Amino acid sequence: MMSELLEAGKICNIHGVKGYLKIFPWTDSPYIYDNFEFLIIDDTEFRIQDLKYHKNFVILKLEGIDNANEAEKFKEKIVYCRRDDIGALDEDTFFIADLISCSVIENGVELGKVIDIINTGASDIYEIQTAEKSIFYLPAVKENIVSIDIQNKIIQVKLPKGLLE
């Protein structure tokens, strides 16, 4: 079952003295935060009062956090958003949370499960752990990915020659 909440970033610092938080977004673009009316931190929902961007960071003010001392308590916390607030994804685009734990299968044989996604800028790389607990890495490019079935947690692949040798 897919979680209603998705990790959207991590609070890395405070910003100023009025309770603003500096967030490193875990999204393809920080501007996705424009879609959010609320964020969830430690199972508490906060309304976003103000939002701006600085370099690759999101700077925001949450309702109820009104000074630097209150904001300081949130440093290093993970922020969550509601899946529905993101909107529809582009074709062949998936949430990392949905790819984690998918079975990776080639020609009917399970090779392992996705345990992490590494974003290199050019393409994602799937970190896959075999049943024997060894790890291999698969670039998530069209030549390697045959299909992704999120509902059944299955990724069909065609491995490049020599990848597992």
Protein backbone atom coordinates (compact mmCIF):
# COMPACT_ATOMS: atom_id res chain seq x y z
CA MET A 1 0.00 0.00 0.00
CA MET A 2 1.33 3.43 -0.92
CA SER A 3 1.73 5.95 1.84
CA GLU A 4 -0.32 9.13 1.70
CA LEU A 5 2.76 11.09 2.81
CA LEU A 6 6.00 11.57 0.91
CA GLU A 7 9.31 12.88 2.18
CA ALA A 8 9.74 16.33 0.65
CA GLY A 9 13.01 17.46 2.20
CA LYS A 10 15.04 18.10 5.31
CA ILE A 11 15.26 21.21 7.46
CA CYS A 12 18.94 22.08 7.41
CA ASN A 13 18.89 25.38 9.28
CA ILE A 14 16.88 28.35 10.43
CA HIS A 15 16.76 31.57 8.41
CA GLY A 16 16.67 34.86 10.28
CA VAL A 17 14.97 35.58 13.59
CA LYS A 18 11.27 35.36 12.66
CA GLY A 19 10.99 31.56 12.61
CA TYR A 20 11.80 30.86 8.96
CA LEU A 21 13.17 27.43 8.10
CA LYS A 22 15.74 26.59 5.44
CA ILE A 23 14.86 23.32 3.71
CA PHE A 24 16.94 21.20 1.37
CA PRO A 25 14.23 19.83 -0.97
CA TRP A 26 14.22 16.16 -1.92
CA THR A 27 12.31 16.87 -5.11
CA ASP A 28 13.24 17.25 -8.76
CA SER A 29 12.54 20.95 -8.45
CA PRO A 30 12.18 23.08 -5.31
CA TYR A 31 9.31 24.91 -7.00
CA ILE A 32 7.03 21.94 -6.32
CA TYR A 33 6.64 23.57 -2.89
CA ASP A 34 4.39 26.12 -4.63
CA ASN A 35 1.76 23.32 -4.67
CA PHE A 36 1.84 22.81 -0.90
CA GLU A 37 -0.49 24.53 1.53
CA PHE A 38 0.67 22.35 4.44
CA LEU A 39 3.77 20.40 5.44
CA ILE A 40 3.95 17.64 8.04
CA ILE A 41 6.77 17.43 10.58
CA ASP A 42 6.77 14.78 13.31
CA ASP A 43 3.13 13.89 12.59
CA THR A 44 2.03 17.52 13.01
CA GLU A 45 0.56 19.46 10.11
CA PHE A 46 1.72 23.07 9.65
CA ARG A 47 0.21 25.65 7.31
CA ILE A 48 2.77 27.42 5.11
CA GLN A 49 2.50 31.18 5.75
CA ASP A 50 5.32 32.39 3.49
CA LEU A 51 7.56 30.77 0.92
CA LYS A 52 10.60 31.87 -1.05
CA TYR A 53 13.58 30.30 -2.74
CA HIS A 54 17.30 30.91 -2.35
CA LYS A 55 19.68 29.02 -4.63
CA ASN A 56 18.57 25.37 -4.35
CA PHE A 57 16.90 25.84 -0.96
CA VAL A 58 13.33 26.50 0.11
CA ILE A 59 12.90 29.20 2.76
CA LEU A 60 9.54 29.09 4.44
CA LYS A 61 7.56 30.27 7.42
CA LEU A 62 5.19 27.82 9.07
CA GLU A 63 2.20 28.85 11.15
CA GLY A 64 2.99 28.60 14.86
CA ILE A 65 6.77 28.89 14.50
CA ASP A 66 7.33 32.57 15.19
CA ASN A 67 10.94 33.02 16.28
CA ALA A 68 14.43 31.58 15.92
CA ASN A 69 14.23 29.68 19.22
CA GLU A 70 11.09 27.82 18.11
CA ALA A 71 12.54 27.23 14.63
CA GLU A 72 15.78 25.84 16.08
CA LYS A 73 13.84 22.84 17.47
CA PHE A 74 13.06 21.72 13.91
CA LYS A 75 16.61 21.56 12.58
CA GLU A 76 17.47 18.20 10.98
CA LYS A 77 13.79 17.16 10.83
CA ILE A 78 12.29 15.56 7.72
CA VAL A 79 9.37 17.41 6.14
CA TYR A 80 6.54 15.51 4.47
CA CYS A 81 3.89 16.49 1.97
CA ARG A 82 0.66 14.81 0.97
CA ARG A 83 0.94 12.71 -2.18
CA ASP A 84 -2.20 14.36 -3.59
CA ASP A 85 -0.61 17.83 -3.31
CA ILE A 86 2.05 16.93 -5.88
CA GLY A 87 -0.40 16.38 -8.71
CA ALA A 88 -0.03 14.05 -11.66
CA LEU A 89 3.46 12.88 -12.57
CA ASP A 90 4.79 12.86 -16.11
CA GLU A 91 4.74 9.56 -17.95
CA ASP A 92 7.62 7.28 -16.90
CA THR A 93 8.13 9.35 -13.74
CA PHE A 94 7.77 7.76 -10.33
CA PHE A 95 8.13 8.67 -6.68
CA ILE A 96 11.31 7.25 -5.19
CA ALA A 97 9.28 5.94 -2.25
CA ASP A 98 7.25 3.83 -4.70
CA LEU A 99 10.34 2.36 -6.40
CA ILE A 100 12.01 1.30 -3.16
CA SER A 101 11.44 -2.42 -2.45
CA CYS A 102 10.29 -3.18 -6.01
CA SER A 103 11.43 -6.57 -7.28
CA VAL A 104 13.83 -6.35 -10.22
CA ILE A 105 13.17 -9.11 -12.74
CA GLU A 106 14.89 -10.16 -15.96
CA ASN A 107 13.41 -12.94 -18.10
CA GLY A 108 11.24 -14.17 -15.23
CA VAL A 109 14.14 -14.36 -12.75
CA GLU A 110 14.18 -12.08 -9.72
CA LEU A 111 17.58 -10.38 -9.48
CA GLY A 112 16.91 -8.49 -6.26
CA LYS A 113 15.05 -5.53 -4.82
CA VAL A 114 15.59 -1.79 -5.20
CA ILE A 115 16.99 -0.44 -1.91
CA ASP A 116 17.93 3.09 -2.99
CA ILE A 117 17.86 5.52 -5.90
CA ILE A 118 20.95 7.60 -6.62
CA ASN A 119 20.42 10.77 -8.64
CA THR A 120 23.49 11.56 -10.72
CA GLY A 121 21.97 14.43 -12.66
CA ALA A 122 22.17 12.65 -16.01
CA SER A 123 20.00 9.73 -14.91
CA ASP A 124 18.99 7.86 -11.81
CA ILE A 125 20.83 4.74 -10.75
CA TYR A 126 18.94 1.96 -8.99
CA GLU A 127 20.81 0.33 -6.11
CA ILE A 128 19.69 -3.28 -6.07
CA GLN A 129 20.30 -5.85 -3.36
CA THR A 130 20.25 -9.53 -4.28
CA ALA A 131 18.87 -12.33 -2.09
CA GLU A 132 22.50 -13.07 -1.16
CA LYS A 133 22.82 -9.47 0.12
CA SER A 134 25.27 -8.37 -2.58
CA ILE A 135 24.67 -5.01 -4.25
CA PHE A 136 24.72 -3.95 -7.88
CA TYR A 137 23.85 -0.72 -9.62
CA LEU A 138 21.65 -0.31 -12.67
CA PRO A 139 21.38 2.95 -14.62
CA ALA A 140 17.67 3.72 -15.01
CA VAL A 141 17.79 4.38 -18.76
CA LYS A 142 15.41 3.16 -21.48
CA GLU A 143 17.88 0.52 -22.66
CA ASN A 144 17.81 -1.15 -19.22
CA ILE A 145 14.25 -0.63 -17.99
CA VAL A 146 11.63 -2.65 -19.87
CA SER A 147 8.65 -1.74 -17.67
CA ILE A 148 7.71 -0.54 -14.20
CA ASP A 149 4.57 -1.80 -12.48
CA ILE A 150 4.23 0.22 -9.27
CA GLN A 151 0.97 -1.47 -8.21
CA ASN A 152 2.63 -4.91 -8.19
CA LYS A 153 6.08 -3.57 -7.16
CA ILE A 154 7.83 -5.10 -10.22
CA ILE A 155 10.50 -3.60 -12.46
CA GLN A 156 11.24 -5.61 -15.60
CA VAL A 157 14.81 -5.02 -16.82
CA LYS A 158 17.28 -5.94 -19.54
CA LEU A 159 20.73 -5.84 -17.99
CA PRO A 160 23.68 -4.57 -20.01
CA LYS A 161 26.16 -7.30 -20.96
CA GLY A 162 28.69 -7.96 -18.24
CA LEU A 163 26.94 -6.00 -15.49
CA LEU A 164 26.80 -8.90 -13.06
CA GLU A 165 30.07 -10.58 -14.07
